[in-house]
């Protein structure tokens, strides 16, 4: 069973850091030298969530789900919930990091600004396109056309993100 069952986002490490456990902000900055960390002004965290949002025939037909549909919904909900939690915990962890850095800076030094963008298939406005991506398998081997389509989609969704636009400004 791959990591998709528990965390398919790649941001859990930020939550498992000393910041989440002890509020030790300095250790989360280990990617920077002290001099580099003093120059940080604006940070953008991008989470690309490929969680699938399927359509449900029973819902579209206006009928109640049967036992199999209900059990399938429970399983999908339980698998999606940890990803939602991971995003919230990671966002809070990065906020703690920025607040800790800002607390160490003098009033005359610029404060760190943090933008946290999440892009996901449910942000696709065209129903047919959304269905196409939701039907795409999640595996390590995708066709070159699928990879190109995903990269293009990520760019478009990121360009629409208010957090990304804030970062660019």
C-alpha atoms as a PDB file:
ATOM      1  CA  UNK A   1       0.000   0.000   0.000  1.00  0.00           C
ATOM      2  CA  UNK A   2       1.501   3.336  -0.990  1.00  0.00           C
ATOM      3  CA  UNK A   3       1.549   6.605   0.936  1.00  0.00           C
ATOM      4  CA  UNK A   4      -1.645   7.748  -0.763  1.00  0.00           C
ATOM      5  CA  UNK A   5      -3.660   5.937   1.872  1.00  0.00           C
ATOM      6  CA  UNK A   6      -2.314   8.186   4.616  1.00  0.00           C
ATOM      7  CA  UNK A   7      -0.732  11.246   3.012  1.00  0.00           C
ATOM      8  CA  UNK A   8      -0.356  11.871  -0.673  1.00  0.00           C
ATOM      9  CA  UNK A   9       0.663  15.519  -0.389  1.00  0.00           C
ATOM     10  CA  UNK A  10       4.322  15.528   0.604  1.00  0.00           C
ATOM     11  CA  UNK A  11       3.901  18.199   3.299  1.00  0.00           C
ATOM     12  CA  UNK A  12       3.690  15.957   6.330  1.00  0.00           C
ATOM     13  CA  UNK A  13       7.397  16.515   7.006  1.00  0.00           C
ATOM     14  CA  UNK A  14       6.728  20.143   7.866  1.00  0.00           C
ATOM     15  CA  UNK A  15       4.293  18.983  10.541  1.00  0.00           C
ATOM     16  CA  UNK A  16       6.633  16.338  11.904  1.00  0.00           C
ATOM     17  CA  UNK A  17       9.352  18.927  12.384  1.00  0.00           C
ATOM     18  CA  UNK A  18      10.398  20.268  15.772  1.00  0.00           C
ATOM     19  CA  UNK A  19       8.096  23.240  15.090  1.00  0.00           C
ATOM     20  CA  UNK A  20       4.956  21.162  15.375  1.00  0.00           C
ATOM     21  CA  UNK A  21       6.139  19.342  18.471  1.00  0.00           C
ATOM     22  CA  UNK A  22       8.038  21.937  20.452  1.00  0.00           C
ATOM     23  CA  UNK A  23       7.534  25.303  18.768  1.00  0.00           C
ATOM     24  CA  UNK A  24      11.228  25.197  17.807  1.00  0.00           C
ATOM     25  CA  UNK A  25      11.061  27.557  14.847  1.00  0.00           C
ATOM     26  CA  UNK A  26      14.791  27.852  14.341  1.00  0.00           C
ATOM     27  CA  UNK A  27      15.081  24.165  13.423  1.00  0.00           C
ATOM     28  CA  UNK A  28      12.468  24.480  10.689  1.00  0.00           C
ATOM     29  CA  UNK A  29      14.700  27.036   9.018  1.00  0.00           C
ATOM     30  CA  UNK A  30      17.486  24.495   8.574  1.00  0.00           C
ATOM     31  CA  UNK A  31      17.074  24.823   4.818  1.00  0.00           C
ATOM     32  CA  UNK A  32      18.604  28.282   5.200  1.00  0.00           C
ATOM     33  CA  UNK A  33      21.846  29.503   6.639  1.00  0.00           C
ATOM     34  CA  UNK A  34      21.315  32.132   9.358  1.00  0.00           C
ATOM     35  CA  UNK A  35      22.277  34.845   6.850  1.00  0.00           C
ATOM     36  CA  UNK A  36      19.846  33.520   4.245  1.00  0.00           C
ATOM     37  CA  UNK A  37      17.089  33.285   6.837  1.00  0.00           C
ATOM     38  CA  UNK A  38      17.577  36.959   7.746  1.00  0.00           C
ATOM     39  CA  UNK A  39      16.941  37.862   4.087  1.00  0.00           C
ATOM     40  CA  UNK A  40      13.709  35.864   3.726  1.00  0.00           C
ATOM     41  CA  UNK A  41      10.850  38.265   3.021  1.00  0.00           C
ATOM     42  CA  UNK A  42       8.094  36.316   1.337  1.00  0.00           C
ATOM     43  CA  UNK A  43       7.441  32.581   1.282  1.00  0.00           C
ATOM     44  CA  UNK A  44       5.088  30.700  -1.005  1.00  0.00           C
ATOM     45  CA  UNK A  45       4.070  27.141  -0.146  1.00  0.00           C
ATOM     46  CA  UNK A  46       2.277  25.284  -2.935  1.00  0.00           C
ATOM     47  CA  UNK A  47       0.383  22.075  -2.196  1.00  0.00           C
ATOM     48  CA  UNK A  48      -0.734  20.190  -5.297  1.00  0.00           C
ATOM     49  CA  UNK A  49      -3.498  17.860  -4.136  1.00  0.00           C
ATOM     50  CA  UNK A  50      -4.441  15.236  -6.731  1.00  0.00           C
ATOM     51  CA  UNK A  51      -7.264  13.882  -4.573  1.00  0.00           C
ATOM     52  CA  UNK A  52     -10.013  12.568  -6.841  1.00  0.00           C
ATOM     53  CA  UNK A  53     -13.536  13.982  -6.600  1.00  0.00           C
ATOM     54  CA  UNK A  54     -15.701  11.430  -8.403  1.00  0.00           C
ATOM     55  CA  UNK A  55     -19.249  12.021  -9.520  1.00  0.00           C
ATOM     56  CA  UNK A  56     -21.910   9.751  -8.057  1.00  0.00           C
ATOM     57  CA  UNK A  57     -24.528   8.320 -10.375  1.00  0.00           C
ATOM     58  CA  UNK A  58     -27.038   7.837  -7.571  1.00  0.00           C
ATOM     59  CA  UNK A  59     -26.752  11.517  -6.663  1.00  0.00           C
ATOM     60  CA  UNK A  60     -27.045  12.708 -10.259  1.00  0.00           C
ATOM     61  CA  UNK A  61     -30.113  10.486 -10.696  1.00  0.00           C
ATOM     62  CA  UNK A  62     -31.748  11.839  -7.534  1.00  0.00           C
ATOM     63  CA  UNK A  63     -31.871   8.535  -5.687  1.00  0.00           C
ATOM     64  CA  UNK A  64     -30.522   7.372  -2.342  1.00  0.00           C
ATOM     65  CA  UNK A  65     -27.270   5.420  -2.359  1.00  0.00           C
ATOM     66  CA  UNK A  66     -27.385   1.684  -1.820  1.00  0.00           C
ATOM     67  CA  UNK A  67     -25.240  -0.246   0.645  1.00  0.00           C
ATOM     68  CA  UNK A  68     -22.256  -0.606  -1.712  1.00  0.00           C
ATOM     69  CA  UNK A  69     -22.353   3.101  -2.641  1.00  0.00           C
ATOM     70  CA  UNK A  70     -22.616   4.070   1.032  1.00  0.00           C
ATOM     71  CA  UNK A  71     -19.649   1.884   2.014  1.00  0.00           C
ATOM     72  CA  UNK A  72     -17.627   3.264  -0.903  1.00  0.00           C
ATOM     73  CA  UNK A  73     -18.445   6.793   0.218  1.00  0.00           C
ATOM     74  CA  UNK A  74     -17.331   6.025   3.771  1.00  0.00           C
ATOM     75  CA  UNK A  75     -14.005   4.653   2.531  1.00  0.00           C
ATOM     76  CA  UNK A  76     -13.394   7.641   0.217  1.00  0.00           C
ATOM     77  CA  UNK A  77     -14.293  10.037   3.016  1.00  0.00           C
ATOM     78  CA  UNK A  78     -11.903   8.364   5.447  1.00  0.00           C
ATOM     79  CA  UNK A  79      -9.090   8.438   2.894  1.00  0.00           C
ATOM     80  CA  UNK A  80      -9.733  12.094   2.010  1.00  0.00           C
ATOM     81  CA  UNK A  81      -9.992  13.309   5.608  1.00  0.00           C
ATOM     82  CA  UNK A  82      -6.290  12.790   6.459  1.00  0.00           C
ATOM     83  CA  UNK A  83      -5.304  14.810   3.388  1.00  0.00           C
ATOM     84  CA  UNK A  84      -7.546  17.679   4.495  1.00  0.00           C
ATOM     85  CA  UNK A  85      -6.027  17.485   7.983  1.00  0.00           C
ATOM     86  CA  UNK A  86      -2.525  17.371   6.534  1.00  0.00           C
ATOM     87  CA  UNK A  87      -3.137  20.571   4.586  1.00  0.00           C
ATOM     88  CA  UNK A  88      -4.503  22.362   7.654  1.00  0.00           C
ATOM     89  CA  UNK A  89      -1.690  21.170   9.907  1.00  0.00           C
ATOM     90  CA  UNK A  90       0.980  22.068   7.357  1.00  0.00           C
ATOM     91  CA  UNK A  91      -0.514  25.520   6.859  1.00  0.00           C
ATOM     92  CA  UNK A  92      -0.533  26.085  10.616  1.00  0.00           C
ATOM     93  CA  UNK A  93       3.051  24.799  10.866  1.00  0.00           C
ATOM     94  CA  UNK A  94       4.265  27.220   8.228  1.00  0.00           C
ATOM     95  CA  UNK A  95       2.348  30.058   9.913  1.00  0.00           C
ATOM     96  CA  UNK A  96       4.070  29.189  13.193  1.00  0.00           C
ATOM     97  CA  UNK A  97       7.395  29.237  11.387  1.00  0.00           C
ATOM     98  CA  UNK A  98       6.747  32.700   9.922  1.00  0.00           C
ATOM     99  CA  UNK A  99       5.483  34.039  13.262  1.00  0.00           C
ATOM    100  CA  UNK A 100       8.578  32.698  15.010  1.00  0.00           C
ATOM    101  CA  UNK A 101      10.902  34.295  12.486  1.00  0.00           C
ATOM    102  CA  UNK A 102       8.999  37.584  12.751  1.00  0.00           C
ATOM    103  CA  UNK A 103       9.211  37.483  16.552  1.00  0.00           C
ATOM    104  CA  UNK A 104      13.012  37.296  16.269  1.00  0.00           C
ATOM    105  CA  UNK A 105      13.236  40.317  13.969  1.00  0.00           C
ATOM    106  CA  UNK A 106      13.613  43.833  15.210  1.00  0.00           C
ATOM    107  CA  UNK A 107      10.815  46.334  14.527  1.00  0.00           C
ATOM    108  CA  UNK A 108      12.911  47.945  11.788  1.00  0.00           C
ATOM    109  CA  UNK A 109      13.399  44.664   9.896  1.00  0.00           C
ATOM    110  CA  UNK A 110      10.799  43.586   7.340  1.00  0.00           C
ATOM    111  CA  UNK A 111       8.491  40.799   8.430  1.00  0.00           C
ATOM    112  CA  UNK A 112       8.143  37.478   6.626  1.00  0.00           C
ATOM    113  CA  UNK A 113       4.939  37.189   4.621  1.00  0.00           C
ATOM    114  CA  UNK A 114       3.542  33.722   3.999  1.00  0.00           C
ATOM    115  CA  UNK A 115       1.216  32.604   1.227  1.00  0.00           C
ATOM    116  CA  UNK A 116      -0.091  29.031   1.235  1.00  0.00           C
ATOM    117  CA  UNK A 117      -1.685  27.926  -2.037  1.00  0.00           C
ATOM    118  CA  UNK A 118      -3.552  24.650  -2.507  1.00  0.00           C
ATOM    119  CA  UNK A 119      -4.440  23.523  -5.999  1.00  0.00           C
ATOM    120  CA  UNK A 120      -6.782  20.603  -6.522  1.00  0.00           C
ATOM    121  CA  UNK A 121      -8.948  19.018  -9.200  1.00  0.00           C
ATOM    122  CA  UNK A 122     -12.152  20.379  -7.689  1.00  0.00           C
ATOM    123  CA  UNK A 123     -11.003  23.861  -8.773  1.00  0.00           C
ATOM    124  CA  UNK A 124     -11.428  22.895 -12.440  1.00  0.00           C
ATOM    125  CA  UNK A 125     -14.513  24.786 -13.599  1.00  0.00           C
ATOM    126  CA  UNK A 126     -15.230  22.802 -16.774  1.00  0.00           C
ATOM    127  CA  UNK A 127     -17.113  19.628 -15.789  1.00  0.00           C
ATOM    128  CA  UNK A 128     -15.778  17.511 -18.664  1.00  0.00           C
ATOM    129  CA  UNK A 129     -12.192  18.504 -17.969  1.00  0.00           C
ATOM    130  CA  UNK A 130     -12.648  17.897 -14.241  1.00  0.00           C
ATOM    131  CA  UNK A 131     -14.028  14.414 -15.003  1.00  0.00           C
ATOM    132  CA  UNK A 132     -11.060  13.672 -17.283  1.00  0.00           C
ATOM    133  CA  UNK A 133      -8.556  14.492 -14.542  1.00  0.00           C
ATOM    134  CA  UNK A 134     -10.554  12.737 -11.846  1.00  0.00           C
ATOM    135  CA  UNK A 135     -10.488   9.599 -14.011  1.00  0.00           C
ATOM    136  CA  UNK A 136      -6.711   9.758 -14.485  1.00  0.00           C
ATOM    137  CA  UNK A 137      -4.940   6.996 -12.569  1.00  0.00           C
ATOM    138  CA  UNK A 138      -2.614   7.904  -9.721  1.00  0.00           C
ATOM    139  CA  UNK A 139       0.532   5.954 -10.414  1.00  0.00           C
ATOM    140  CA  UNK A 140       4.190   6.494 -11.064  1.00  0.00           C
ATOM    141  CA  UNK A 141       3.874   5.731 -14.768  1.00  0.00           C
ATOM    142  CA  UNK A 142       1.694   8.069 -16.748  1.00  0.00           C
ATOM    143  CA  UNK A 143       1.779   8.623 -20.479  1.00  0.00           C
ATOM    144  CA  UNK A 144       3.624  11.685 -21.748  1.00  0.00           C
ATOM    145  CA  UNK A 145       0.296  13.236 -22.821  1.00  0.00           C
ATOM    146  CA  UNK A 146      -1.070  12.783 -19.296  1.00  0.00           C
ATOM    147  CA  UNK A 147       2.037  14.320 -17.754  1.00  0.00           C
ATOM    148  CA  UNK A 148       1.847  17.283 -20.133  1.00  0.00           C
ATOM    149  CA  UNK A 149      -1.857  17.741 -19.360  1.00  0.00           C
ATOM    150  CA  UNK A 150      -1.218  17.652 -15.596  1.00  0.00           C
ATOM    151  CA  UNK A 151       1.637  20.147 -15.862  1.00  0.00           C
ATOM    152  CA  UNK A 152      -0.486  22.487 -17.945  1.00  0.00           C
ATOM    153  CA  UNK A 153      -3.399  22.162 -15.531  1.00  0.00           C
ATOM    154  CA  UNK A 154      -1.148  22.864 -12.528  1.00  0.00           C
ATOM    155  CA  UNK A 155       0.072  26.061 -14.186  1.00  0.00           C
ATOM    156  CA  UNK A 156      -3.455  27.214 -14.947  1.00  0.00           C
ATOM    157  CA  UNK A 157      -4.779  26.437 -11.462  1.00  0.00           C
ATOM    158  CA  UNK A 158      -1.779  28.094  -9.854  1.00  0.00           C
ATOM    159  CA  UNK A 159      -2.259  31.218 -11.981  1.00  0.00           C
ATOM    160  CA  UNK A 160      -5.859  31.410 -10.685  1.00  0.00           C
ATOM    161  CA  UNK A 161      -4.787  31.046  -7.043  1.00  0.00           C
ATOM    162  CA  UNK A 162      -5.283  34.223  -4.968  1.00  0.00           C
ATOM    163  CA  UNK A 163      -2.357  33.184  -2.767  1.00  0.00           C
ATOM    164  CA  UNK A 164      -0.048  32.804  -5.751  1.00  0.00           C
ATOM    165  CA  UNK A 165      -1.140  36.165  -7.158  1.00  0.00           C
ATOM    166  CA  UNK A 166      -0.511  37.746  -3.753  1.00  0.00           C
ATOM    167  CA  UNK A 167       2.978  36.246  -3.737  1.00  0.00           C
ATOM    168  CA  UNK A 168       3.714  37.602  -7.215  1.00  0.00           C
ATOM    169  CA  UNK A 169       2.589  41.091  -6.239  1.00  0.00           C
END
